[in-house]
Protein backbone atom coordinates (compact mmCIF):
# COMPACT_ATOMS: atom_id res chain seq x y z
CA MET A 1 95.22 22.19 112.36
CA GLY A 2 95.84 20.85 108.88
CA SER A 3 98.90 21.62 106.83
CA GLY A 4 96.88 23.89 104.51
CA ALA A 5 95.60 26.03 107.33
CA VAL A 6 99.02 27.35 108.33
CA PRO A 7 99.67 29.29 105.07
CA ARG A 8 96.18 30.77 105.26
CA VAL A 9 96.74 32.00 108.81
CA ARG A 10 100.10 33.40 107.77
CA SER A 11 98.47 35.31 104.88
CA TRP A 12 95.86 36.78 107.18
CA VAL A 13 98.55 37.86 109.64
CA ILE A 14 100.51 39.55 106.84
CA TRP A 15 97.31 41.21 105.58
CA ILE A 16 96.47 42.50 109.04
CA MET A 17 99.99 43.72 109.81
CA VAL A 18 100.81 45.34 106.44
CA VAL A 19 97.83 46.02 104.24
CA VAL A 20 95.40 47.20 106.90
CA PRO A 21 97.79 49.81 108.39
CA VAL A 22 98.59 51.16 104.92
CA ALA A 23 94.91 51.42 104.09
CA ALA A 24 94.27 53.08 107.42
CA LEU A 25 96.98 55.63 106.71
CA LEU A 26 95.49 56.38 103.31
CA LEU A 27 92.04 56.79 104.76
CA SER A 28 93.36 59.00 107.56
CA GLY A 29 94.99 61.21 104.95
CA VAL A 30 91.66 61.64 103.21
CA TYR A 31 90.01 62.23 106.57
CA PHE A 32 92.49 64.92 107.53
CA ALA A 33 92.09 66.59 104.16
CA THR A 34 88.33 66.85 104.52
CA THR A 35 87.64 67.30 108.24
CA LEU A 36 90.44 69.34 109.78
CA PRO A 37 89.98 73.12 110.15
CA GLY A 38 91.82 73.44 106.86
CA CYS A 39 93.76 76.33 105.41
CA VAL A 40 92.18 78.93 107.69
CA ALA A 41 93.88 77.27 110.65
CA CYS A 42 97.06 79.02 109.50
CA HIS A 43 95.76 81.68 107.13
CA ASP A 44 93.79 83.45 109.81
CA GLU A 45 94.95 87.04 109.37
CA SER A 46 91.94 89.33 109.60
CA THR A 47 92.57 91.12 106.31
CA PHE A 48 93.07 87.83 104.44
CA VAL A 49 89.92 86.31 105.92
CA GLU A 50 87.82 89.41 105.18
CA GLN A 51 89.06 89.67 101.60
CA THR A 52 88.55 85.95 101.00
CA GLN A 53 85.01 85.97 102.37
CA SER A 54 84.02 88.94 100.21
CA ALA A 55 85.74 87.74 97.01
CA THR A 56 83.83 86.33 94.05
CA HIS A 57 85.10 82.79 94.77
CA SER A 58 84.20 82.82 98.46
CA THR A 59 82.03 79.69 98.10
CA VAL A 60 84.78 77.66 96.43
CA ALA A 61 86.78 75.30 98.66
CA CYS A 62 90.49 76.02 98.97
CA VAL A 63 91.49 72.54 97.76
CA ASP A 64 89.43 72.90 94.59
CA CYS A 65 91.81 75.59 93.35
CA HIS A 66 95.05 74.76 95.12
CA VAL A 67 95.13 70.95 95.04
CA SER A 68 94.66 68.52 92.17
CA THR A 69 91.55 66.35 92.22
CA ALA A 70 93.69 63.20 91.81
CA VAL A 71 93.39 60.86 94.78
CA ALA A 72 97.15 60.71 95.32
CA ALA A 73 97.38 64.50 95.35
CA ARG A 74 94.52 64.86 97.82
CA VAL A 75 96.00 62.20 100.10
CA SER A 76 99.42 63.86 99.92
CA PHE A 77 97.88 67.18 100.77
CA GLY A 78 95.96 65.61 103.65
CA TYR A 79 99.15 64.24 105.17
CA ARG A 80 101.00 67.47 104.62
CA GLN A 81 98.17 69.38 106.23
CA ALA A 82 98.04 67.03 109.19
CA PHE A 83 101.72 66.37 109.82
CA HIS A 84 103.24 69.64 108.73
CA MET A 85 100.62 72.33 109.24
CA VAL A 86 98.96 70.88 112.36
CA LEU A 87 101.58 68.55 113.83
CA PRO A 88 105.06 69.73 112.72
CA ILE A 89 106.50 66.30 111.99
CA VAL A 90 107.46 66.60 108.32
CA SER A 91 109.17 69.59 106.70
CA GLY A 92 108.26 71.69 103.67
CA ASP A 93 106.69 75.08 103.14
CA GLY A 94 103.89 73.98 100.82
CA ARG A 95 104.66 76.61 98.17
CA GLY A 96 103.69 74.13 95.47
CA TRP A 97 100.06 74.52 96.47
CA ALA A 98 100.10 78.31 96.27
CA ALA A 99 99.95 78.40 92.47
CA VAL A 100 96.68 77.84 90.64
CA PRO A 101 97.22 76.35 87.16
CA ASP A 102 94.78 77.12 84.35
CA SER A 103 93.50 73.53 84.30
CA ARG A 104 91.80 74.04 87.66
CA CYS A 105 90.13 77.24 86.53
CA LEU A 106 88.87 75.51 83.40
CA LYS A 107 87.12 72.84 85.46
CA CYS A 108 84.37 75.40 86.09
CA HIS A 109 85.04 77.79 83.23
CA GLU A 110 85.53 75.26 80.47
CA MET A 111 83.53 77.28 77.89
CA ILE A 112 85.45 80.51 78.47
CA GLY A 113 87.30 80.38 75.15
CA GLU A 114 84.31 79.59 72.94
CA ALA A 115 82.37 82.84 73.15
CA VAL A 116 82.75 86.51 73.95
CA VAL A 117 82.30 86.93 77.70
CA GLN A 118 80.37 89.93 78.95
CA ALA A 119 80.69 90.73 82.66
CA LYS A 120 80.81 93.89 84.74
CA GLY A 121 80.31 96.03 81.68
CA ILE A 122 83.25 94.58 79.74
CA ARG A 123 83.37 92.28 76.71
CA VAL A 124 86.36 89.95 76.38
CA ASP A 125 87.19 87.37 73.73
CA HIS A 126 89.50 85.03 75.64
CA SER A 127 90.31 83.00 72.54
CA VAL A 128 92.26 86.03 71.34
CA CYS A 129 93.08 88.06 74.44
CA ALA A 130 94.27 85.18 76.63
CA VAL A 131 96.70 83.61 74.16
CA GLY A 132 100.05 83.10 75.89
CA ALA A 133 98.67 84.24 79.25
CA SER A 134 97.62 82.46 82.42
CA CYS A 135 94.27 82.97 84.10
CA THR A 136 95.96 84.47 87.14
CA ASP A 137 97.67 87.12 85.00
CA CYS A 138 94.37 88.98 84.96
CA HIS A 139 92.30 87.31 87.68
CA SER A 140 94.63 86.92 90.65
CA SER A 141 92.23 88.66 93.04
CA VAL A 142 89.10 86.54 92.48
CA ALA A 143 89.79 84.37 95.53
CA HIS A 144 91.55 86.58 98.06
CA GLY A 145 90.94 90.13 96.86
CA VAL A 146 93.73 92.64 97.32
CA SER A 147 95.27 90.53 100.09
CA SER A 148 96.97 88.44 97.39
CA GLU A 149 100.73 88.87 97.58
CA TRP A 150 100.92 90.08 93.99
CA VAL A 151 97.65 91.48 92.69
CA ARG A 152 97.33 91.30 88.90
CA VAL A 153 94.17 92.51 87.18
CA TYR A 154 93.24 93.35 83.62
CA ASP A 155 93.32 97.02 82.72
CA MET A 156 93.43 99.30 79.71
CA ASP A 157 97.22 99.17 79.47
CA THR A 158 96.99 95.41 79.03
CA CYS A 159 94.33 95.72 76.34
CA LEU A 160 96.21 98.41 74.43
CA GLU A 161 99.23 96.16 74.04
CA CYS A 162 97.27 94.55 71.20
CA HIS A 163 94.44 96.92 70.31
CA SER A 164 95.47 99.67 67.96
CA PRO A 165 94.44 103.26 68.76
CA GLN A 166 91.88 103.15 65.96
CA GLU A 167 90.16 100.15 67.52
CA SER A 168 90.41 101.22 71.13
CA ALA A 169 88.95 104.63 70.34
CA GLN A 170 85.69 102.78 69.74
CA CYS A 171 84.95 102.40 73.43
CA ASP A 172 81.87 100.26 72.95
CA LEU A 173 83.99 97.60 71.26
CA CYS A 174 84.90 96.35 74.74
CA HIS A 175 82.76 98.41 77.12
CA ASP A 176 79.03 98.05 77.55
CA GLY A 177 76.34 99.74 79.58
CA ARG A 178 78.48 102.20 81.54
CA GLY A 179 79.58 105.76 81.06
CA PRO A 180 83.28 106.69 80.72
CA ALA A 181 83.61 107.69 84.39
CA GLU A 182 82.15 104.35 85.53
CA ARG A 183 84.25 102.17 83.26
CA ILE A 184 87.61 102.75 84.86
CA THR A 185 87.44 101.22 88.33
CA SER A 186 90.68 99.27 88.72
CA GLY A 187 94.27 99.10 87.57
CA VAL A 188 96.58 101.87 86.43
CA PHE A 189 93.87 103.74 84.52
CA ALA A 190 91.85 104.20 87.71
CA ILE A 191 94.79 106.18 89.08
CA THR A 192 95.83 108.08 85.98
CA HIS A 193 92.22 109.03 85.12
CA GLY A 194 90.84 109.41 88.64
CA PRO A 195 89.87 112.56 90.54
CA GLN A 196 93.53 113.56 90.90
CA TRP A 197 94.40 112.86 87.25
CA GLU A 198 96.22 116.18 86.84
CA LYS A 199 98.79 114.99 89.38
CA THR A 200 98.79 111.28 88.61
CA HIS A 201 98.34 110.90 84.84
CA GLY A 202 102.09 110.90 84.26
CA MET A 203 102.41 107.69 86.30
CA GLY A 204 100.92 105.61 83.49
CA ASN A 205 102.32 104.32 80.22
CA SER A 206 102.45 107.39 77.99
CA LEU A 207 102.62 105.19 74.88
CA THR A 208 98.94 104.28 75.38
CA CYS A 209 97.69 107.86 75.59
CA SER A 210 97.26 108.12 71.82
CA ALA A 211 94.42 105.60 71.97
CA CYS A 212 92.09 108.36 73.11
CA HIS A 213 94.13 111.57 73.16
CA THR A 214 95.90 113.53 70.43
CA ALA A 215 99.18 115.39 70.86
CA ALA A 216 97.15 118.59 71.07
CA SER A 217 95.63 117.29 74.32
CA CYS A 218 99.09 117.27 75.90
CA ASP A 219 100.25 120.52 74.29
CA LYS A 220 97.67 122.55 76.17
CA CYS A 221 99.50 122.00 79.44
CA HIS A 222 102.91 120.63 78.56
CA GLY A 223 103.74 122.42 75.34
CA PRO A 224 104.92 120.58 72.20
CA GLY A 225 106.76 117.28 72.25
CA LEU A 226 104.60 115.15 74.55
CA PRO A 227 104.32 112.28 74.95
CA HIS A 228 108.01 111.83 74.14
CA ALA A 229 108.35 109.46 71.21
CA ALA A 230 111.11 106.94 70.58
CA LYS A 231 114.50 108.59 69.93
CA PHE A 232 113.08 111.85 71.27
CA VAL A 233 116.51 112.84 72.54
CA GLU A 234 117.75 113.18 68.96
CA LYS A 235 115.36 116.02 68.22
CA HIS A 236 114.62 117.40 71.66
CA SER A 237 116.70 120.54 71.11
CA ALA A 238 114.42 121.74 68.29
CA ILE A 239 111.31 121.09 70.39
CA ALA A 240 112.82 122.64 73.51
CA SER A 241 113.57 125.86 71.62
CA SER A 242 110.19 126.00 69.84
CA PRO A 243 107.48 128.52 70.82
CA GLY A 244 105.36 127.28 73.67
CA ALA A 245 107.91 124.79 75.00
CA LYS A 246 107.44 124.12 78.71
CA CYS A 247 110.25 121.67 79.45
CA PHE A 248 110.87 123.08 82.92
CA THR A 249 107.36 122.17 84.01
CA CYS A 250 108.69 118.64 84.56
CA HIS A 251 112.47 118.91 84.20
CA GLU A 252 114.94 120.86 86.30
CA GLN A 253 117.69 122.94 84.75
CA ALA A 254 120.25 120.55 86.22
CA MET A 255 118.95 117.76 83.99
CA CYS A 256 120.08 119.67 80.89
CA ASP A 257 123.35 120.86 82.41
CA ASP A 258 124.37 117.45 83.76
CA CYS A 259 123.94 115.80 80.37
CA HIS A 260 125.41 118.52 78.17
CA GLY A 261 128.18 119.60 80.53
CA LEU A 262 127.35 123.26 79.82
CA ASP A 263 124.59 125.68 80.66
CA MET A 264 121.67 124.64 78.48
CA PRO A 265 120.00 126.14 76.65
CA HIS A 266 123.02 128.39 75.98
CA PRO A 267 122.54 131.80 77.61
CA ARG A 268 122.71 134.92 75.42
CA THR A 269 126.22 135.69 76.62
CA PHE A 270 127.50 132.23 75.67
CA THR A 271 128.74 133.26 72.20
CA ARG A 272 131.36 135.61 73.59
CA GLY A 273 133.23 132.87 75.35
CA HIS A 274 132.18 129.80 73.41
CA SER A 275 135.60 129.39 71.81
CA ASP A 276 137.10 128.73 75.23
CA ALA A 277 134.45 126.09 75.92
CA ALA A 278 135.03 124.51 72.53
CA GLU A 279 138.79 124.47 73.05
CA ALA A 280 138.43 122.87 76.47
CA ASN A 281 136.21 120.03 75.31
CA ARG A 282 135.66 119.74 71.60
CA ASP A 283 133.97 116.34 71.96
CA LEU A 284 131.33 117.90 74.19
CA CYS A 285 130.36 120.36 71.46
CA ASN A 286 130.35 117.65 68.84
CA ARG A 287 127.50 115.87 70.63
CA CYS A 288 125.10 118.41 69.16
CA HIS A 289 127.09 120.37 66.59
CA ALA A 290 128.57 119.32 63.26
CA ALA A 291 131.77 120.83 61.90
CA SER A 292 129.72 122.86 59.44
CA ASP A 293 128.16 124.75 62.36
CA CYS A 294 131.55 126.32 63.01
CA THR A 295 132.68 126.90 59.41
CA THR A 296 129.35 128.35 58.31
CA CYS A 297 129.76 131.17 60.79
CA HIS A 298 133.53 131.60 60.94
CA GLU A 299 134.27 131.50 57.22
CA LYS A 300 131.79 134.32 56.65
CA HIS A 301 133.25 136.46 59.42
CA VAL A 302 136.65 137.43 58.04
CA HIS A 303 139.33 139.24 60.04
CA PRO A 304 140.32 142.02 60.08
CA GLY A 305 137.72 144.56 59.10
CA GLY A 306 134.55 142.60 59.86
CA ALA A 307 133.63 142.17 56.17
CA ILE A 308 131.11 139.45 55.44
CA GLY A 309 132.05 137.04 52.75
CA SER A 310 133.69 133.69 52.16
CA ALA A 311 137.25 133.13 53.23
CA SER A 312 138.20 132.11 49.70
CA SER A 313 136.81 135.28 48.14
CA TYR A 314 138.58 137.43 50.72
CA SER A 315 141.85 135.65 50.08
CA ALA A 316 141.44 136.08 46.36
CA GLY A 317 140.68 139.79 46.77
CA LYS A 318 143.64 140.28 49.05
CA GLY A 319 145.88 138.48 46.63
CA GLY A 320 144.72 140.68 43.77
CA ALA A 321 145.32 143.86 45.77
CA SER A 322 148.83 142.87 46.52
C-alpha cells in the first residue's frame, strides 16, 4: 500500500465512525417524528380524542401547529418524542410545544388580515379587532374543542370592549343571516341570554348591557339604579330611598348594616335616640351626613318652648325681653 493510501483509509474510517452515526441519528429523529404513533400515544383520553376528531382542525397534523417547520425543530421534536415520550431516557415535560404562536396559524390563514371575514353568521375585520391579541385568545378551541385546558372564544363582551353602544346596536354590522336567538351560541352571552336568562343575566358584565338595553329595561324588575354605574356608592342613598327602589331583591339587610354600622335605612323610631348614636360614634354619622344636617334641624328647634326659629333670633328676642 502506497504512502498516499494510508491517509485516505484513515479519512474513510473517520467518516464511517463519526459522520455516518451522526447522520443516522438525524435521520432516525426524522423517522421517529413521522412514523411513531405520535401525540395520541399519550393524549389518549376519550374526551380529548372525541373533541379533537370533531373539531374544525381535525385534519391538521399535530406537528403542523405545535412544532416549527424548521428541520432542527422537527428533529428535536422527533428525539423528544422517541426518547422522552416513548422511551423515558431524557427528561422534560414538553410544555414548549403546547403553545401555538400566531406564525403557525398564518401559514394557512395568511390573508386573514386583508379582508373582512364572514363565517358562521359573523363578520370580523381582523386588521382592527385582532390588534394586540393572539389567535388563540379567540380561537383556542379550533383544534381540541372544549377539552382545551383553558377555553377562550370570542363573544359579545369581547366585541363591546371596543364597539360603542351606538355601533353595536346595529346588529347587522357584525351579524349576518341569523335571527337574534340563533346568534348567541357561545361565550358569556349564551348564558346570560339563554333560556334561564332571568336567573343568569346578572352573571355577565353589566357595563355592556347598555349596548342593547336602556335603564328602563332594568327598572321594570330591579327598580331604579341598575346597572350600578361608577361611584354608585356615593349616590346610592338617594336611589335606595326613591319610589320603586327594590334593593332587597338582590341585597340583604345585613349588607347595609355591616357597612353603615347602624340599622339602614334608619327606622322611623331612629330619630328619638339618634343623639346617643351620634355621641357614641360621630365619625360613623359623618360618612353620610355633613355638619349642616345637624345645625339645620337643631338651630330651628329652640328650647324651651318648642318655638321654631333661628337660634340667633331667639337669643336676640330673649335678650330684648330681659
